[in-house]
PDB file of N, CA and C in Angstrom:
ATOM      1  N   UNK A   1     -24.068  52.141 -77.257  1.00  0.00           N
ATOM      2  CA  UNK A   1     -25.001  52.157 -78.059  1.00  0.00           C
ATOM      3  C   UNK A   1     -24.475  52.849 -79.405  1.00  0.00           C
ATOM      4  N   UNK A   2     -25.228  52.473 -80.529  1.00  0.00           N
ATOM      5  CA  UNK A   2     -25.047  53.072 -81.718  1.00  0.00           C
ATOM      6  C   UNK A   2     -25.754  54.043 -82.367  1.00  0.00           C
ATOM      7  N   UNK A   3     -25.707  55.123 -82.498  1.00  0.00           N
ATOM      8  CA  UNK A   3     -26.788  56.109 -82.990  1.00  0.00           C
ATOM      9  C   UNK A   3     -27.314  55.703 -84.471  1.00  0.00           C
ATOM     10  N   UNK A   4     -28.384  56.045 -85.054  1.00  0.00           N
ATOM     11  CA  UNK A   4     -29.320  56.113 -86.429  1.00  0.00           C
ATOM     12  C   UNK A   4     -30.175  57.001 -86.389  1.00  0.00           C
ATOM     13  N   UNK A   5     -30.542  56.881 -87.885  1.00  0.00           N
ATOM     14  CA  UNK A   5     -31.220  58.381 -88.206  1.00  0.00           C
ATOM     15  C   UNK A   5     -32.894  58.010 -87.389  1.00  0.00           C
ATOM     16  N   UNK A   6     -33.101  56.775 -86.851  1.00  0.00           N
ATOM     17  CA  UNK A   6     -34.665  56.409 -86.616  1.00  0.00           C
ATOM     18  C   UNK A   6     -34.449  56.796 -84.590  1.00  0.00           C
ATOM     19  N   UNK A   7     -33.606  57.255 -84.416  1.00  0.00           N
ATOM     20  CA  UNK A   7     -33.960  58.066 -83.185  1.00  0.00           C
ATOM     21  C   UNK A   7     -34.016  58.994 -83.052  1.00  0.00           C
ATOM     22  N   UNK A   8     -35.096  59.216 -82.029  1.00  0.00           N
ATOM     23  CA  UNK A   8     -35.265  60.765 -81.525  1.00  0.00           C
ATOM     24  C   UNK A   8     -33.672  61.347 -80.989  1.00  0.00           C
ATOM     25  N   UNK A   9     -33.984  62.820 -80.993  1.00  0.00           N
ATOM     26  CA  UNK A   9     -32.724  63.745 -80.623  1.00  0.00           C
ATOM     27  C   UNK A   9     -32.911  63.351 -79.138  1.00  0.00           C
ATOM     28  N   UNK A  10     -34.090  63.214 -78.598  1.00  0.00           N
ATOM     29  CA  UNK A  10     -33.834  63.267 -77.055  1.00  0.00           C
ATOM     30  C   UNK A  10     -33.280  61.955 -76.741  1.00  0.00           C
ATOM     31  N   UNK A  11     -33.712  60.983 -77.611  1.00  0.00           N
ATOM     32  CA  UNK A  11     -32.815  59.753 -77.308  1.00  0.00           C
ATOM     33  C   UNK A  11     -31.329  59.746 -77.063  1.00  0.00           C
ATOM     34  N   UNK A  12     -30.810  60.457 -78.239  1.00  0.00           N
ATOM     35  CA  UNK A  12     -29.382  60.837 -78.328  1.00  0.00           C
ATOM     36  C   UNK A  12     -28.783  61.511 -77.274  1.00  0.00           C
ATOM     37  N   UNK A  13     -29.190  62.484 -76.758  1.00  0.00           N
ATOM     38  CA  UNK A  13     -29.020  63.246 -75.856  1.00  0.00           C
ATOM     39  C   UNK A  13     -28.861  63.063 -74.278  1.00  0.00           C
ATOM     40  N   UNK A  14     -30.201  62.014 -74.488  1.00  0.00           N
ATOM     41  CA  UNK A  14     -30.034  61.557 -72.760  1.00  0.00           C
ATOM     42  C   UNK A  14     -29.307  60.545 -72.644  1.00  0.00           C
ATOM     43  N   UNK A  15     -28.840  59.978 -73.648  1.00  0.00           N
ATOM     44  CA  UNK A  15     -27.466  58.884 -73.294  1.00  0.00           C
ATOM     45  C   UNK A  15     -26.579  59.689 -73.498  1.00  0.00           C
ATOM     46  N   UNK A  16     -26.053  60.600 -74.586  1.00  0.00           N
ATOM     47  CA  UNK A  16     -24.676  61.343 -74.865  1.00  0.00           C
ATOM     48  C   UNK A  16     -25.177  62.946 -74.749  1.00  0.00           C
ATOM     49  N   UNK A  17     -25.036  63.743 -73.304  1.00  0.00           N
ATOM     50  CA  UNK A  17     -25.692  64.811 -73.652  1.00  0.00           C
ATOM     51  C   UNK A  17     -24.110  65.527 -74.304  1.00  0.00           C
ATOM     52  N   UNK A  18     -23.111  65.005 -74.448  1.00  0.00           N
ATOM     53  CA  UNK A  18     -22.381  65.998 -75.366  1.00  0.00           C
ATOM     54  C   UNK A  18     -22.481  65.921 -76.940  1.00  0.00           C
ATOM     55  N   UNK A  19     -23.104  65.334 -77.122  1.00  0.00           N
ATOM     56  CA  UNK A  19     -23.380  65.421 -78.418  1.00  0.00           C
ATOM     57  C   UNK A  19     -24.310  66.765 -78.938  1.00  0.00           C
ATOM     58  N   UNK A  20     -24.493  67.120 -78.071  1.00  0.00           N
ATOM     59  CA  UNK A  20     -25.375  68.894 -78.538  1.00  0.00           C
ATOM     60  C   UNK A  20     -24.197  69.037 -79.249  1.00  0.00           C
ATOM     61  N   UNK A  21     -23.123  69.323 -78.886  1.00  0.00           N
ATOM     62  CA  UNK A  21     -21.980  70.098 -80.080  1.00  0.00           C
ATOM     63  C   UNK A  21     -22.453  69.855 -80.937  1.00  0.00           C
ATOM     64  N   UNK A  22     -22.557  68.489 -81.666  1.00  0.00           N
ATOM     65  CA  UNK A  22     -22.476  67.717 -82.841  1.00  0.00           C
ATOM     66  C   UNK A  22     -23.752  68.429 -83.794  1.00  0.00           C
ATOM     67  N   UNK A  23     -25.350  68.245 -83.020  1.00  0.00           N
ATOM     68  CA  UNK A  23     -26.096  68.660 -83.409  1.00  0.00           C
ATOM     69  C   UNK A  23     -26.056  70.540 -83.980  1.00  0.00           C
ATOM     70  N   UNK A  24     -24.991  71.217 -82.796  1.00  0.00           N
ATOM     71  CA  UNK A  24     -24.647  72.495 -83.401  1.00  0.00           C
ATOM     72  C   UNK A  24     -24.416  72.775 -84.582  1.00  0.00           C
ATOM     73  N   UNK A  25     -23.175  71.983 -85.041  1.00  0.00           N
ATOM     74  CA  UNK A  25     -22.913  72.117 -85.995  1.00  0.00           C
ATOM     75  C   UNK A  25     -23.473  72.316 -87.271  1.00  0.00           C
ATOM     76  N   UNK A  26     -24.943  71.460 -87.271  1.00  0.00           N
ATOM     77  CA  UNK A  26     -25.903  71.430 -88.396  1.00  0.00           C
ATOM     78  C   UNK A  26     -26.626  72.846 -88.279  1.00  0.00           C
ATOM     79  N   UNK A  27     -26.540  73.541 -87.210  1.00  0.00           N
ATOM     80  CA  UNK A  27     -27.093  74.539 -87.207  1.00  0.00           C
ATOM     81  C   UNK A  27     -28.875  74.012 -86.351  1.00  0.00           C
ATOM     82  N   UNK A  28     -28.605  72.943 -85.575  1.00  0.00           N
ATOM     83  CA  UNK A  28     -29.722  72.628 -84.915  1.00  0.00           C
ATOM     84  C   UNK A  28     -29.838  72.863 -83.578  1.00  0.00           C
ATOM     85  N   UNK A  29     -30.003  74.087 -83.406  1.00  0.00           N
ATOM     86  CA  UNK A  29     -29.852  74.839 -82.027  1.00  0.00           C
ATOM     87  C   UNK A  29     -31.063  74.726 -81.053  1.00  0.00           C
ATOM     88  N   UNK A  30     -31.904  74.459 -81.466  1.00  0.00           N
ATOM     89  CA  UNK A  30     -33.347  73.799 -80.922  1.00  0.00           C
ATOM     90  C   UNK A  30     -33.227  72.526 -80.386  1.00  0.00           C
ATOM     91  N   UNK A  31     -32.564  71.831 -80.164  1.00  0.00           N
ATOM     92  CA  UNK A  31     -32.349  70.622 -79.437  1.00  0.00           C
ATOM     93  C   UNK A  31     -33.114  70.338 -78.641  1.00  0.00           C
ATOM     94  N   UNK A  32     -33.156  71.258 -77.852  1.00  0.00           N
ATOM     95  CA  UNK A  32     -33.998  70.912 -76.427  1.00  0.00           C
ATOM     96  C   UNK A  32     -35.427  71.030 -76.524  1.00  0.00           C
ATOM     97  N   UNK A  33     -35.794  71.484 -77.636  1.00  0.00           N
ATOM     98  CA  UNK A  33     -37.138  72.445 -77.882  1.00  0.00           C
ATOM     99  C   UNK A  33     -38.493  70.881 -77.786  1.00  0.00           C
ATOM    100  N   UNK A  34     -39.809  70.992 -77.706  1.00  0.00           N
ATOM    101  CA  UNK A  34     -40.494  70.080 -77.663  1.00  0.00           C
ATOM    102  C   UNK A  34     -40.809  68.789 -78.908  1.00  0.00           C
ATOM    103  N   UNK A  35     -40.207  69.353 -79.965  1.00  0.00           N
ATOM    104  CA  UNK A  35     -39.982  68.725 -80.868  1.00  0.00           C
ATOM    105  C   UNK A  35     -38.629  67.656 -80.963  1.00  0.00           C
ATOM    106  N   UNK A  36     -37.695  67.590 -80.422  1.00  0.00           N
ATOM    107  CA  UNK A  36     -36.654  66.933 -79.961  1.00  0.00           C
ATOM    108  C   UNK A  36     -36.887  65.603 -79.588  1.00  0.00           C
ATOM    109  N   UNK A  37     -37.815  65.926 -78.906  1.00  0.00           N
ATOM    110  CA  UNK A  37     -38.573  64.323 -78.043  1.00  0.00           C
ATOM    111  C   UNK A  37     -39.076  63.699 -78.992  1.00  0.00           C
ATOM    112  N   UNK A  38     -40.167  64.433 -80.357  1.00  0.00           N
ATOM    113  CA  UNK A  38     -40.954  63.455 -80.872  1.00  0.00           C
ATOM    114  C   UNK A  38     -40.578  63.172 -82.222  1.00  0.00           C
ATOM    115  N   UNK A  39     -39.179  64.047 -82.799  1.00  0.00           N
ATOM    116  CA  UNK A  39     -38.590  63.967 -84.253  1.00  0.00           C
ATOM    117  C   UNK A  39     -37.568  62.880 -84.198  1.00  0.00           C
ATOM    118  N   UNK A  40     -37.638  61.885 -85.308  1.00  0.00           N
ATOM    119  CA  UNK A  40     -36.127  61.248 -84.955  1.00  0.00           C
ATOM    120  C   UNK A  40     -35.125  62.386 -85.968  1.00  0.00           C
ATOM    121  N   UNK A  41     -33.814  61.825 -85.825  1.00  0.00           N
ATOM    122  CA  UNK A  41     -32.769  62.902 -86.221  1.00  0.00           C
ATOM    123  C   UNK A  41     -33.066  62.590 -87.728  1.00  0.00           C
ATOM    124  N   UNK A  42     -33.097  61.797 -88.531  1.00  0.00           N
ATOM    125  CA  UNK A  42     -33.503  61.866 -89.797  1.00  0.00           C
ATOM    126  C   UNK A  42     -34.736  63.014 -90.384  1.00  0.00           C
ATOM    127  N   UNK A  43     -35.743  63.200 -89.431  1.00  0.00           N
ATOM    128  CA  UNK A  43     -37.047  64.271 -89.602  1.00  0.00           C
ATOM    129  C   UNK A  43     -36.737  65.433 -89.185  1.00  0.00           C
ATOM    130  N   UNK A  44     -35.460  65.860 -87.842  1.00  0.00           N
ATOM    131  CA  UNK A  44     -35.010  66.984 -87.720  1.00  0.00           C
ATOM    132  C   UNK A  44     -34.295  67.633 -88.708  1.00  0.00           C
ATOM    133  N   UNK A  45     -33.372  66.605 -89.272  1.00  0.00           N
ATOM    134  CA  UNK A  45     -32.420  67.604 -90.173  1.00  0.00           C
ATOM    135  C   UNK A  45     -32.918  67.242 -91.484  1.00  0.00           C
ATOM    136  N   UNK A  46     -34.305  66.768 -92.101  1.00  0.00           N
ATOM    137  CA  UNK A  46     -34.814  67.508 -93.036  1.00  0.00           C
ATOM    138  C   UNK A  46     -35.220  69.106 -92.735  1.00  0.00           C
ATOM    139  N   UNK A  47     -36.123  68.833 -91.473  1.00  0.00           N
ATOM    140  CA  UNK A  47     -36.392  70.197 -91.163  1.00  0.00           C
ATOM    141  C   UNK A  47     -35.603  71.334 -91.530  1.00  0.00           C
ATOM    142  N   UNK A  48     -34.044  70.677 -91.300  1.00  0.00           N
ATOM    143  CA  UNK A  48     -33.420  71.767 -91.334  1.00  0.00           C
ATOM    144  C   UNK A  48     -32.482  71.894 -92.441  1.00  0.00           C
ATOM    145  N   UNK A  49     -33.409  71.301 -93.788  1.00  0.00           N
ATOM    146  CA  UNK A  49     -32.679  71.698 -95.002  1.00  0.00           C
ATOM    147  C   UNK A  49     -31.490  70.273 -95.456  1.00  0.00           C
ATOM    148  N   UNK A  50     -31.546  69.351 -94.733  1.00  0.00           N
ATOM    149  CA  UNK A  50     -30.616  68.164 -94.745  1.00  0.00           C
ATOM    150  C   UNK A  50     -31.421  67.076 -95.360  1.00  0.00           C
ATOM    151  N   UNK A  51     -30.312  66.327 -96.120  1.00  0.00           N
ATOM    152  CA  UNK A  51     -30.987  65.055 -96.845  1.00  0.00           C
ATOM    153  C   UNK A  51     -29.954  63.921 -96.769  1.00  0.00           C
ATOM    154  N   UNK A  52     -30.518  62.890 -97.336  1.00  0.00           N
ATOM    155  CA  UNK A  52     -29.424  61.780 -97.950  1.00  0.00           C
ATOM    156  C   UNK A  52     -28.059  62.010 -97.261  1.00  0.00           C
ATOM    157  N   UNK A  53     -27.590  61.805 -98.068  1.00  0.00           N
ATOM    158  CA  UNK A  53     -25.887  61.670 -97.627  1.00  0.00           C
ATOM    159  C   UNK A  53     -25.811  62.596 -96.633  1.00  0.00           C
ATOM    160  N   UNK A  54     -26.135  64.078 -96.479  1.00  0.00           N
ATOM    161  CA  UNK A  54     -25.828  64.892 -95.024  1.00  0.00           C
ATOM    162  C   UNK A  54     -26.192  64.415 -93.980  1.00  0.00           C
ATOM    163  N   UNK A  55     -27.299  63.566 -94.023  1.00  0.00           N
ATOM    164  CA  UNK A  55     -27.958  62.654 -92.838  1.00  0.00           C
ATOM    165  C   UNK A  55     -27.166  61.650 -92.304  1.00  0.00           C
ATOM    166  N   UNK A  56     -26.356  60.970 -93.356  1.00  0.00           N
ATOM    167  CA  UNK A  56     -25.664  59.678 -93.161  1.00  0.00           C
ATOM    168  C   UNK A  56     -24.338  60.057 -92.431  1.00  0.00           C
ATOM    169  N   UNK A  57     -23.941  61.240 -93.148  1.00  0.00           N
ATOM    170  CA  UNK A  57     -22.868  61.651 -92.702  1.00  0.00           C
ATOM    171  C   UNK A  57     -23.008  62.438 -91.042  1.00  0.00           C
ATOM    172  N   UNK A  58     -23.953  62.894 -90.581  1.00  0.00           N
ATOM    173  CA  UNK A  58     -24.046  63.308 -89.361  1.00  0.00           C
ATOM    174  C   UNK A  58     -24.060  62.285 -88.650  1.00  0.00           C
ATOM    175  N   UNK A  59     -24.725  61.027 -88.523  1.00  0.00           N
ATOM    176  CA  UNK A  59     -25.097  60.119 -88.288  1.00  0.00           C
ATOM    177  C   UNK A  59     -23.206  59.385 -87.748  1.00  0.00           C
ATOM    178  N   UNK A  60     -22.984  59.424 -88.855  1.00  0.00           N
ATOM    179  CA  UNK A  60     -21.385  59.041 -88.498  1.00  0.00           C
ATOM    180  C   UNK A  60     -20.331  59.489 -87.997  1.00  0.00           C
ATOM    181  N   UNK A  61     -21.026  61.033 -87.964  1.00  0.00           N
ATOM    182  CA  UNK A  61     -20.042  62.031 -87.160  1.00  0.00           C
ATOM    183  C   UNK A  61     -20.618  61.747 -85.586  1.00  0.00           C
ATOM    184  N   UNK A  62     -21.886  61.568 -85.289  1.00  0.00           N
ATOM    185  CA  UNK A  62     -22.374  61.678 -84.014  1.00  0.00           C
ATOM    186  C   UNK A  62     -21.746  59.945 -83.228  1.00  0.00           C
ATOM    187  N   UNK A  63     -21.801  59.226 -84.154  1.00  0.00           N
ATOM    188  CA  UNK A  63     -21.069  57.743 -83.503  1.00  0.00           C
ATOM    189  C   UNK A  63     -19.513  57.801 -83.536  1.00  0.00           C
ATOM    190  N   UNK A  64     -18.828  58.754 -84.159  1.00  0.00           N
ATOM    191  CA  UNK A  64     -17.540  59.090 -84.252  1.00  0.00           C
ATOM    192  C   UNK A  64     -17.241  59.489 -82.773  1.00  0.00           C
ATOM    193  N   UNK A  65     -17.986  60.396 -82.425  1.00  0.00           N
ATOM    194  CA  UNK A  65     -17.517  61.715 -81.427  1.00  0.00           C
ATOM    195  C   UNK A  65     -18.291  60.506 -80.033  1.00  0.00           C
ATOM    196  N   UNK A  66     -19.143  59.561 -80.202  1.00  0.00           N
ATOM    197  CA  UNK A  66     -19.467  58.904 -79.517  1.00  0.00           C
ATOM    198  C   UNK A  66     -18.508  57.661 -79.014  1.00  0.00           C
ATOM    199  N   UNK A  67     -17.969  57.506 -79.855  1.00  0.00           N
ATOM    200  CA  UNK A  67     -16.696  56.303 -79.609  1.00  0.00           C
ATOM    201  C   UNK A  67     -15.336  57.089 -78.906  1.00  0.00           C
ATOM    202  N   UNK A  68     -15.440  58.212 -79.586  1.00  0.00           N
ATOM    203  CA  UNK A  68     -14.374  58.971 -78.559  1.00  0.00           C
ATOM    204  C   UNK A  68     -14.484  59.354 -77.034  1.00  0.00           C
ATOM    205  N   UNK A  69     -15.546  59.344 -76.973  1.00  0.00           N
ATOM    206  CA  UNK A  69     -16.158  59.642 -75.260  1.00  0.00           C
ATOM    207  C   UNK A  69     -16.140  57.901 -74.347  1.00  0.00           C
ATOM    208  N   UNK A  70     -16.566  57.230 -75.060  1.00  0.00           N
ATOM    209  CA  UNK A  70     -16.581  55.709 -74.433  1.00  0.00           C
ATOM    210  C   UNK A  70     -15.413  54.949 -74.569  1.00  0.00           C
ATOM    211  N   UNK A  71     -14.814  54.574 -73.046  1.00  0.00           N
ATOM    212  CA  UNK A  71     -13.947  53.592 -73.478  1.00  0.00           C
ATOM    213  C   UNK A  71     -13.966  52.719 -74.382  1.00  0.00           C
ATOM    214  N   UNK A  72     -12.784  51.969 -75.022  1.00  0.00           N
ATOM    215  CA  UNK A  72     -12.898  51.105 -75.702  1.00  0.00           C
ATOM    216  C   UNK A  72     -13.476  49.627 -75.245  1.00  0.00           C
ATOM    217  N   UNK A  73     -13.308  49.477 -73.701  1.00  0.00           N
ATOM    218  CA  UNK A  73     -14.003  48.213 -72.840  1.00  0.00           C
ATOM    219  C   UNK A  73     -15.445  48.283 -72.850  1.00  0.00           C
ATOM    220  N   UNK A  74     -15.802  49.571 -73.383  1.00  0.00           N
ATOM    221  CA  UNK A  74     -17.522  50.042 -73.034  1.00  0.00           C
ATOM    222  C   UNK A  74     -17.799  49.774 -74.236  1.00  0.00           C
ATOM    223  N   UNK A  75     -16.993  49.255 -75.434  1.00  0.00           N
ATOM    224  CA  UNK A  75     -17.952  49.933 -76.763  1.00  0.00           C
ATOM    225  C   UNK A  75     -18.517  48.826 -77.509  1.00  0.00           C
TER     226      UNK A  75
END
């Protein structure tokens, strides 16, 4: 699975719970709050003061992190 900015935080966390550490780097400590299941990654990041390139960088970091967790045969 490839993460994109239109996915909800909960979708990402359900598929890859270890990505919580990436969210924490962005100050998103409320990843398990009710909003995490309804807000997209982009929406949640905007609430935390990020936009544009910051969101794209977060998506790239999440996908890089996931690629390190996932064996090449499963990618």
